[in-house]
Protein backbone atom coordinates (compact mmCIF):
# COMPACT_ATOMS: atom_id res chain seq x y z
CA MET A 1 0.86 26.73 -5.07
CA LYS A 2 0.68 26.56 -8.97
CA ARG A 3 -2.43 24.01 -10.00
CA VAL A 4 -1.81 22.72 -13.78
CA LEU A 5 -5.59 21.10 -15.01
CA ILE A 6 -3.80 18.17 -17.24
CA ILE A 7 -6.57 16.69 -20.17
CA SER A 8 -6.37 13.28 -20.97
CA TYR A 9 -8.63 10.78 -23.03
CA TYR A 10 -6.29 7.66 -21.37
CA TRP A 11 -6.21 7.52 -17.71
CA PRO A 12 -6.33 4.46 -14.60
CA PRO A 13 -8.02 2.55 -15.59
CA ALA A 14 -6.70 1.77 -19.33
CA GLY A 15 -3.85 0.10 -20.16
CA GLY A 16 -1.08 -0.36 -22.56
CA ILE A 17 1.51 2.52 -23.10
CA SER A 18 -0.84 5.62 -24.30
CA VAL A 19 -2.29 6.31 -20.50
CA LEU A 20 1.40 6.42 -19.14
CA ARG A 21 2.17 9.08 -20.19
CA SER A 22 -0.13 11.41 -18.85
CA LEU A 23 -0.13 8.98 -15.80
CA LYS A 24 3.56 10.09 -15.50
CA PHE A 25 2.83 14.08 -15.87
CA ALA A 26 0.45 13.84 -13.09
CA LYS A 27 2.47 11.28 -10.74
CA TYR A 28 5.76 13.26 -10.84
CA LEU A 29 4.42 17.07 -11.09
CA HIS A 30 2.50 15.97 -7.32
CA GLN A 31 6.47 15.33 -6.48
CA MET A 32 7.83 18.19 -7.32
CA GLY A 33 4.84 20.68 -5.37
CA TRP A 34 2.15 21.19 -8.18
CA GLU A 35 -1.83 20.86 -7.14
CA VAL A 36 -2.56 18.24 -9.57
CA VAL A 37 -6.92 18.70 -11.42
CA VAL A 38 -6.88 15.42 -14.46
CA TYR A 39 -9.72 15.43 -16.15
CA ALA A 40 -10.66 12.44 -17.73
CA PRO A 41 -13.46 10.24 -19.59
CA GLU A 42 -16.18 9.04 -17.17
CA ASN A 43 -17.33 5.74 -19.36
CA ALA A 44 -14.15 5.56 -21.67
CA ASP A 45 -14.31 2.36 -24.34
CA TYR A 46 -10.40 1.68 -23.66
CA PRO A 47 -9.29 -1.34 -25.81
CA LEU A 48 -7.14 -2.74 -22.88
CA ILE A 49 -7.56 -2.13 -18.90
CA ASP A 50 -4.60 -2.33 -16.17
CA GLU A 51 -5.79 -1.52 -12.77
CA GLY A 52 -2.97 -1.86 -11.66
CA ASN A 53 -1.68 1.62 -12.74
CA LEU A 54 -4.71 2.36 -10.09
CA ARG A 55 -1.87 2.34 -7.96
CA ASP A 56 -0.19 5.18 -9.42
CA ILE A 57 -2.03 8.16 -8.66
CA PRO A 58 -1.46 10.27 -6.19
CA GLU A 59 -4.06 10.28 -3.21
CA GLU A 60 -4.35 14.19 -3.01
CA ILE A 61 -4.77 15.16 -6.96
CA GLU A 62 -8.37 16.46 -8.20
CA VAL A 63 -9.75 14.05 -11.19
CA ILE A 64 -12.44 15.00 -12.96
CA ARG A 65 -14.63 13.24 -14.85
CA GLY A 66 -16.50 13.81 -18.00
CA LYS A 67 -19.38 11.21 -20.04
CA ILE A 68 -18.11 10.91 -23.40
CA LEU A 69 -20.43 8.84 -26.61
CA GLU A 70 -17.94 6.74 -28.68
CA PRO A 71 -18.51 4.61 -32.12
CA PHE A 72 -16.10 1.56 -31.21
CA ALA A 73 -19.08 -0.76 -30.09
CA ALA A 74 -21.54 0.23 -32.70
CA PHE A 75 -18.44 -0.82 -35.04
CA LYS A 76 -17.78 -3.85 -32.97
CA LYS A 77 -20.96 -4.86 -33.15
CA LEU A 78 -21.05 -3.82 -37.22
CA SER A 79 -18.57 -5.52 -38.08
CA GLY A 80 -18.80 -9.33 -36.13
CA ARG A 81 -16.20 -8.66 -34.13
CA LYS A 82 -16.20 -9.53 -30.09
CA PRO A 83 -16.05 -6.64 -27.76
CA ASP A 84 -12.63 -6.85 -26.98
CA ASP A 85 -11.04 -7.75 -30.39
CA SER A 86 -9.37 -4.65 -31.68
CA ALA A 87 -11.30 -1.45 -32.93
CA ASN A 88 -9.43 0.19 -34.68
CA PRO A 89 -8.22 -1.89 -38.36
CA VAL A 90 -6.17 1.05 -39.64
CA TYR A 91 -2.94 -0.63 -38.20
CA GLN A 92 -3.94 -4.04 -36.36
CA ARG A 93 -6.30 -5.87 -38.48
CA ASP A 94 -7.38 -9.48 -36.26
CA LYS A 95 -8.65 -10.55 -39.18
CA LYS A 96 -8.64 -9.43 -43.53
CA SER A 97 -10.08 -5.43 -43.65
CA SER A 98 -13.64 -5.77 -45.10
CA ILE A 99 -16.16 -3.43 -46.28
CA VAL A 100 -16.80 -2.69 -43.41
CA ASP A 101 -13.24 -1.60 -42.04
CA SER A 102 -13.04 0.14 -44.99
CA LEU A 103 -16.53 2.58 -44.38
CA SER A 104 -15.63 2.74 -40.80
CA ILE A 105 -12.23 3.77 -41.06
CA TRP A 106 -13.58 6.91 -44.04
CA VAL A 107 -16.20 7.70 -41.33
CA ARG A 108 -13.71 8.12 -38.55
CA ALA A 109 -11.67 10.03 -40.65
CA ASN A 110 -13.64 12.49 -42.93
CA PHE A 111 -16.29 12.75 -39.57
CA PHE A 112 -14.71 12.35 -36.27
CA ILE A 113 -12.13 15.61 -36.94
CA PRO A 114 -9.98 15.65 -35.51
CA ASP A 115 -10.30 11.67 -34.11
CA ALA A 116 -12.67 8.99 -33.01
CA ARG A 117 -13.36 10.79 -29.67
CA ALA A 118 -14.35 14.23 -31.45
CA LEU A 119 -17.91 13.76 -29.38
CA TRP A 120 -16.24 14.71 -25.90
CA ILE A 121 -14.82 18.30 -27.36
CA ARG A 122 -17.99 20.32 -26.99
CA PRO A 123 -19.90 18.71 -23.29
CA SER A 124 -15.65 18.56 -22.01
CA VAL A 125 -14.93 22.65 -22.56
CA LYS A 126 -18.43 23.78 -21.16
CA ARG A 127 -18.14 21.46 -17.84
CA LEU A 128 -14.01 22.34 -17.22
CA SER A 129 -15.13 25.94 -18.16
CA GLN A 130 -18.54 25.76 -15.54
CA TYR A 131 -15.18 23.81 -13.34
CA LEU A 132 -12.73 27.01 -14.27
CA ARG A 133 -14.62 29.74 -13.18
CA ARG A 134 -15.16 28.26 -9.92
CA LYS A 135 -11.47 27.15 -9.59
CA PRO A 136 -9.01 27.78 -11.56
CA VAL A 137 -6.05 26.98 -12.55
CA HIS A 138 -2.72 28.22 -12.97
CA VAL A 139 -1.35 26.31 -16.41
CA LEU A 140 -3.30 23.93 -18.90
CA LEU A 141 -1.09 20.39 -19.97
CA THR A 142 -2.55 17.96 -22.74
CA ASP A 143 -1.30 15.30 -24.10
CA GLY A 144 -1.88 14.12 -27.84
CA PRO A 145 -3.01 11.74 -29.39
CA PRO A 146 -5.77 11.73 -29.20
CA HIS A 147 -6.08 14.99 -29.82
CA THR A 148 -9.64 15.76 -28.79
CA ASN A 149 -7.53 16.71 -25.88
CA THR A 150 -5.27 19.02 -27.62
CA VAL A 151 -8.48 21.05 -29.25
CA ILE A 152 -10.42 21.11 -25.75
CA ALA A 153 -7.52 22.67 -24.28
CA ALA A 154 -6.83 25.23 -27.56
CA ARG A 155 -10.91 26.04 -27.06
CA LEU A 156 -10.48 26.50 -22.91
CA SER A 157 -6.57 28.82 -23.12
CA LYS A 158 -8.60 31.37 -25.61
CA LYS A 159 -11.51 31.53 -23.72
CA PHE A 160 -9.60 31.82 -20.28
CA ASN A 161 -6.42 32.99 -21.27
CA ILE A 162 -4.57 30.12 -19.79
CA PRO A 163 -1.53 29.38 -20.59
CA TRP A 164 -1.47 26.13 -22.15
CA LEU A 165 2.34 23.42 -22.73
CA ALA A 166 0.39 20.93 -25.60
CA ASP A 167 2.54 18.02 -25.40
CA PHE A 168 2.68 15.56 -28.68
CA GLN A 169 3.44 11.81 -28.10
CA ASP A 170 2.36 11.35 -32.02
CA PRO A 171 2.34 14.03 -34.92
CA TRP A 172 -1.13 15.10 -35.44
CA THR A 173 -0.93 16.03 -39.36
CA GLN A 174 2.60 13.87 -39.87
CA VAL A 175 1.42 10.95 -37.61
CA ASP A 176 2.11 7.78 -39.43
CA TYR A 177 -1.71 6.79 -40.52
CA TYR A 178 -3.23 9.69 -41.20
CA LYS A 179 -2.31 9.05 -44.53
CA MET A 180 -4.26 5.32 -44.40
CA MET A 181 -7.49 7.12 -43.59
CA LYS A 182 -8.88 7.78 -46.67
CA ILE A 183 -9.69 11.14 -45.76
CA SER A 184 -10.69 13.44 -47.97
CA GLY A 185 -9.69 16.87 -49.32
CA PRO A 186 -11.99 19.05 -47.33
CA ALA A 187 -12.09 17.45 -43.93
CA ASP A 188 -7.93 17.10 -44.70
CA TRP A 189 -8.06 20.85 -44.89
CA ILE A 190 -10.08 21.45 -41.28
CA HIS A 191 -7.12 18.95 -39.62
CA LYS A 192 -4.93 21.34 -40.89
CA LYS A 193 -6.28 24.40 -40.56
CA MET A 194 -7.09 23.08 -36.20
CA GLU A 195 -3.90 21.85 -35.84
CA GLN A 196 -2.14 25.85 -37.07
CA SER A 197 -4.54 26.70 -34.44
CA VAL A 198 -2.73 24.85 -31.67
CA PHE A 199 0.38 26.35 -32.96
CA ARG A 200 -0.46 29.91 -32.55
CA THR A 201 -2.39 29.25 -29.47
CA ALA A 202 -0.34 26.93 -27.05
CA LYS A 203 2.32 28.21 -25.65
CA HIS A 204 4.64 25.40 -25.87
CA ILE A 205 4.72 22.57 -27.79
CA THR A 206 6.75 19.18 -26.56
CA ILE A 207 6.34 16.05 -28.92
CA VAL A 208 9.45 13.00 -28.60
CA SER A 209 11.70 13.10 -30.90
CA PRO A 210 14.49 15.08 -32.26
CA SER A 211 12.85 14.48 -35.51
CA TRP A 212 9.75 14.95 -34.43
CA LYS A 213 10.72 18.49 -33.05
CA LYS A 214 11.80 19.17 -36.78
CA ASP A 215 9.24 17.74 -38.05
CA LEU A 216 7.23 19.88 -36.61
CA GLU A 217 8.51 23.41 -36.95
CA SER A 218 8.90 22.12 -40.62
CA ILE A 219 5.09 23.05 -41.23
CA GLY A 220 4.91 26.00 -39.13
CA ALA A 221 5.78 24.86 -35.27
CA GLN A 222 6.97 27.92 -32.94
CA ASN A 223 8.25 27.01 -29.38
CA VAL A 224 9.34 23.64 -29.20
CA SER A 225 10.94 21.49 -26.47
CA VAL A 226 12.21 16.73 -26.68
CA VAL A 227 10.64 15.48 -23.43
CA TYR A 228 11.20 12.03 -23.61
CA TRP A 229 8.75 9.15 -22.28
CA GLY A 230 11.08 7.86 -20.36
CA TYR A 231 10.63 5.11 -17.72
CA ASP A 232 9.41 5.13 -13.71
CA GLU A 233 11.55 3.44 -11.29
CA ASP A 234 9.10 2.45 -9.03
CA ASP A 235 7.54 -0.12 -12.12
CA PHE A 236 10.98 -1.71 -11.29
CA LYS A 237 10.41 -2.32 -7.41
CA ASP A 238 9.66 -5.76 -6.15
CA ILE A 239 10.95 -7.09 -9.45
CA SER A 240 12.05 -11.07 -8.99
CA PRO A 241 12.98 -12.55 -12.44
CA ASP A 242 12.76 -15.77 -12.39
CA PRO A 243 15.02 -16.87 -15.98
CA ASP A 244 14.86 -20.07 -17.68
CA PRO A 245 18.78 -20.49 -18.54
CA GLY A 246 17.75 -23.72 -20.98
CA THR A 247 15.53 -21.63 -23.23
CA PHE A 248 16.67 -18.33 -25.44
CA THR A 249 13.88 -16.05 -24.87
CA ILE A 250 13.30 -13.80 -27.12
CA ILE A 251 10.16 -10.73 -25.62
CA HIS A 252 8.35 -8.07 -27.70
CA ALA A 253 5.75 -6.02 -25.89
CA GLY A 254 3.02 -3.96 -27.25
CA THR A 255 0.91 -4.14 -30.57
CA VAL A 256 1.92 -5.39 -34.05
CA GLY A 257 0.31 -4.07 -36.19
CA PHE A 258 1.08 -4.53 -40.13
CA ASP A 259 3.13 -1.47 -40.93
CA ARG A 260 5.86 -3.32 -38.06
CA LEU A 261 5.37 -7.06 -39.70
CA PRO A 262 9.34 -8.69 -38.44
CA ASN A 263 8.66 -11.35 -41.33
CA ALA A 264 12.21 -11.33 -42.29
CA PHE A 265 12.89 -12.16 -38.62
CA ILE A 266 10.90 -15.08 -38.34
CA ASP A 267 12.69 -16.47 -41.06
CA GLN A 268 16.04 -16.14 -39.46
CA ILE A 269 13.99 -18.09 -36.58
CA ASN A 270 13.00 -20.19 -38.86
CA LEU A 271 16.77 -20.80 -40.01
CA LEU A 272 18.26 -21.00 -36.76
CA VAL A 273 15.50 -23.67 -35.56
CA LYS A 274 16.25 -25.87 -37.85
CA GLN A 275 20.21 -25.64 -37.73
CA LEU A 276 20.37 -25.71 -33.55
CA PRO A 277 17.56 -28.72 -33.04
CA ASP A 278 19.55 -28.89 -29.38
CA GLN A 279 18.63 -25.49 -28.33
CA LYS A 280 15.41 -23.98 -26.74
CA ILE A 281 14.66 -21.40 -28.67
CA GLU A 282 10.83 -19.65 -27.58
CA VAL A 283 9.55 -15.91 -29.21
CA LEU A 284 6.66 -15.02 -27.10
CA PHE A 285 4.29 -11.55 -28.22
CA TYR A 286 3.01 -9.15 -25.91
CA GLY A 287 -0.29 -7.82 -26.51
CA PRO A 288 -2.75 -7.13 -30.02
CA VAL A 289 -0.86 -9.06 -33.42
CA ASP A 290 -1.44 -9.03 -36.96
CA TYR A 291 -3.25 -11.91 -38.16
CA GLU A 292 -0.05 -12.19 -41.18
CA LEU A 293 2.59 -12.26 -38.27
CA LYS A 294 -0.07 -15.81 -37.20
CA GLU A 295 -0.21 -17.37 -40.51
CA GLN A 296 3.68 -16.41 -41.54
CA VAL A 297 4.12 -18.79 -37.88
CA HIS A 298 1.76 -20.58 -38.82
CA GLN A 299 2.57 -21.56 -42.25
CA LEU A 300 6.50 -22.30 -41.08
CA GLY A 301 5.06 -24.60 -38.55
CA LEU A 302 6.41 -22.71 -35.90
CA GLU A 303 3.28 -22.27 -33.56
CA LYS A 304 5.30 -24.80 -30.47
CA VAL A 305 8.90 -22.03 -30.88
CA VAL A 306 6.66 -18.68 -31.62
CA LEU A 307 3.89 -17.51 -29.15
CA PHE A 308 0.95 -14.94 -28.87
CA LYS A 309 0.15 -14.86 -25.06
CA GLY A 310 -1.68 -11.99 -25.21
CA ASN A 311 -2.77 -8.43 -23.26
CA ILE A 312 -0.80 -9.28 -19.32
CA GLU A 313 -0.96 -6.59 -16.24
CA ARG A 314 1.91 -4.48 -17.52
CA LYS A 315 4.84 -4.88 -14.09
CA ALA A 316 3.91 -8.96 -14.95
CA MET A 317 5.22 -8.13 -18.48
CA LEU A 318 8.60 -6.11 -16.89
CA LYS A 319 8.99 -9.34 -14.78
CA LYS A 320 8.53 -11.36 -18.33
CA LEU A 321 11.63 -9.01 -20.01
CA MET A 322 13.60 -9.11 -17.34
CA GLU A 323 13.49 -12.49 -17.34
CA CYS A 324 14.92 -12.86 -21.17
CA ASP A 325 17.96 -12.81 -23.36
CA LEU A 326 16.36 -10.65 -25.97
CA GLN A 327 14.25 -7.90 -26.43
CA LEU A 328 12.20 -7.38 -29.91
CA LEU A 329 11.71 -3.38 -31.23
CA LEU A 330 10.14 -3.02 -33.40
CA LEU A 331 9.36 0.12 -34.82
CA ASN A 332 6.51 2.08 -37.84
CA LYS A 333 7.81 1.35 -41.67
CA ALA A 334 6.33 5.31 -42.19
CA ASP A 335 7.62 8.44 -43.45
CA ASN A 336 8.40 9.80 -39.88
CA ALA A 337 9.63 6.68 -38.20
CA MET A 338 13.69 8.51 -37.88
CA GLY A 339 11.50 10.10 -34.91
CA ARG A 340 9.27 6.50 -33.69
CA LEU A 341 10.68 6.93 -30.20
CA PRO A 342 7.41 4.05 -28.47
CA GLY A 343 6.98 4.80 -24.80
CA LYS A 344 8.56 0.93 -24.05
CA LEU A 345 12.05 1.54 -25.62
CA TYR A 346 12.52 3.75 -22.23
CA GLU A 347 11.60 0.03 -20.56
CA TYR A 348 13.24 -1.99 -22.56
CA LEU A 349 16.62 0.69 -21.72
CA ARG A 350 16.12 0.16 -18.04
CA VAL A 351 15.80 -3.76 -17.90
CA LYS A 352 18.82 -3.95 -19.37
CA LYS A 353 18.82 -7.08 -21.53
CA PRO A 354 19.65 -6.84 -25.04
CA ILE A 355 17.56 -5.01 -27.55
CA MET A 356 16.94 -5.44 -31.59
CA GLY A 357 15.49 -3.16 -33.19
CA LEU A 358 13.88 -3.66 -36.38
CA GLY A 359 13.22 -0.12 -38.49
CA LEU A 360 15.33 2.55 -40.12
CA PRO A 361 19.12 2.45 -38.88
CA GLY A 362 20.77 6.20 -38.11
CA SER A 363 17.16 6.62 -36.52
CA ASP A 364 16.60 8.29 -33.42
CA ALA A 365 15.89 5.09 -31.87
CA ASP A 366 18.60 3.44 -33.28
CA HIS A 367 21.20 6.62 -31.68
CA ILE A 368 19.29 5.96 -28.42
CA LEU A 369 20.87 2.22 -28.57
CA GLN A 370 23.93 2.37 -29.51
CA ASN A 371 24.59 5.22 -27.51
CA THR A 372 23.79 3.49 -24.52
CA GLY A 373 25.48 0.31 -25.39
CA THR A 374 22.16 -1.99 -25.56
CA GLY A 375 21.61 -2.67 -29.73
CA LYS A 376 20.76 -0.91 -32.12
CA VAL A 377 18.49 -0.99 -35.38
CA LEU A 378 18.60 -3.20 -38.65
CA ASN A 379 16.64 -2.79 -41.38
CA TYR A 380 13.04 -5.24 -40.92
CA ASN A 381 15.00 -7.14 -44.43
CA ASP A 382 19.18 -6.76 -43.40
CA THR A 383 18.58 -11.05 -42.82
CA GLU A 384 22.43 -10.68 -42.46
CA GLY A 385 22.53 -8.81 -39.71
CA ILE A 386 19.52 -10.18 -38.10
CA ARG A 387 21.37 -13.53 -38.68
CA LEU A 388 24.57 -12.25 -36.93
CA PHE A 389 22.65 -10.47 -33.71
CA LEU A 390 21.26 -13.67 -33.27
CA SER A 391 24.22 -15.68 -33.96
CA ASP A 392 26.12 -13.25 -31.15
CA LEU A 393 23.63 -13.74 -28.52
CA LEU A 394 23.68 -17.31 -28.43
CA ASN A 395 27.59 -17.57 -28.72
CA GLU A 396 28.01 -15.40 -25.70
CA GLU A 397 29.28 -12.61 -27.76
CA TRP A 398 27.21 -10.27 -25.55
CA LYS A 399 28.75 -11.29 -22.15
CA SER A 400 30.37 -7.72 -21.49
CA PHE A 401 27.06 -6.37 -21.94
CA ASN A 402 27.19 -3.01 -19.99
CA PRO A 403 24.46 -0.54 -20.55
CA ASP A 404 25.56 3.10 -20.09
CA GLY A 405 23.70 6.37 -19.64
CA ILE A 406 20.04 5.45 -19.52
CA GLU A 407 19.02 7.35 -16.00
CA GLN A 408 19.48 10.71 -18.24
CA PHE A 409 15.72 8.63 -19.91
CA SER A 410 14.18 8.10 -16.55
CA SER A 411 10.34 9.77 -15.98
CA GLU A 412 11.57 12.39 -13.04
CA ASN A 413 14.09 13.31 -14.62
CA GLN A 414 12.51 13.90 -18.08
CA ILE A 415 9.03 15.15 -16.65
CA SER A 416 11.22 18.19 -14.37
CA LYS A 417 11.81 19.82 -18.37
CA ILE A 418 7.65 20.11 -17.67
CA SER A 419 7.67 20.99 -15.01
CA ASP A 420 10.62 24.30 -15.88
CA LEU A 421 8.42 24.40 -18.73
CA LEU A 422 5.69 25.32 -16.91
CA LYS A 423 6.85 27.63 -14.70
CA GLU A 424 8.22 29.75 -16.81
CA MET A 425 5.27 29.71 -19.36
CA ILE A 426 3.02 30.86 -15.26
CA GLN A 427 6.62 33.63 -15.40
CA ASN A 428 6.05 35.26 -18.74
CA GLY A 429 2.24 35.21 -18.65
């Protein structure tokens, strides 16, 4: 049996979407006959906790924990935030940005390279070097960001000559928030030098969208394949939806940062509420929301229509999605938006309810929605398109809604590609 070491900062009990990539890798590679070893932090400061993710960890896999020192607690204290507030003011704000926020972004970008978990690199390389001398593995697998994972594996791959697959759920220097980070010239040079070293060291690179594959190749990456996020069919077992037929319910799951504020959409909801006083409409946002969206809702007096529900366990979130009438997908407004395919997109597909995306028509997300017949992506400011989409749903124009071809995006099907690549890497040495 071939052994694979997965290095991941995000691991249960972490919640949110970021943990699912590595978690599903471990689950399905184990089912495909791999002996899986996972290395993860012992005391990470995860922004979300979801104990439900623990059920996905196969009992037979080995999990190694390494202590980590993170700066988030100090940042929250300095900025006057509560322990459960966001520790990432780069794209999601609990309040207006302060001088402390700006300073923390600058410090994080210029002194914590490649990311805020950088202090985990040296002790992890030391810990895993000791482990690998005793228990060698055939191949390494990482998922980034955080690209601290990526750097740890790069050093181990060079040191022990172990083939390594570097998975990117988000790019490194091409990621949407890179330009927001106030990175100095010297720090930018270090980031790019490290990134190029990764391209040379990794035997293979996988990334989550076709457009981002081309972007990576444009800066020197080779042997790049697309492996989509996917949905796990097991996550939908034993869910019994109980929809409210008297309410037209729209749901957004996940973070709403200031790079994806749906202002025109909220304005159209406001008009609908006035035009259809007898139609009960609810727009539910689950997850962290930028303060500007809350202010817009308050100014329009929509507090009873647009509700901010906070974080809930993922299984409960999937049930809510299966009970709604429309799923709202907000895509980042960024230079690399053509390739933005968030993990939740695939769970939206599996829910089999209409999806309205806001972002770039013609993007990778738009192609997937239209090819599966599940919806489409509209421009954020396309007020007429948003109005017509909502009107068609309310007028039951979607009665013949029949999604097709979503099975290709199952986690099992996507991770089988990872398994094949790992086997090929081992065979080629």
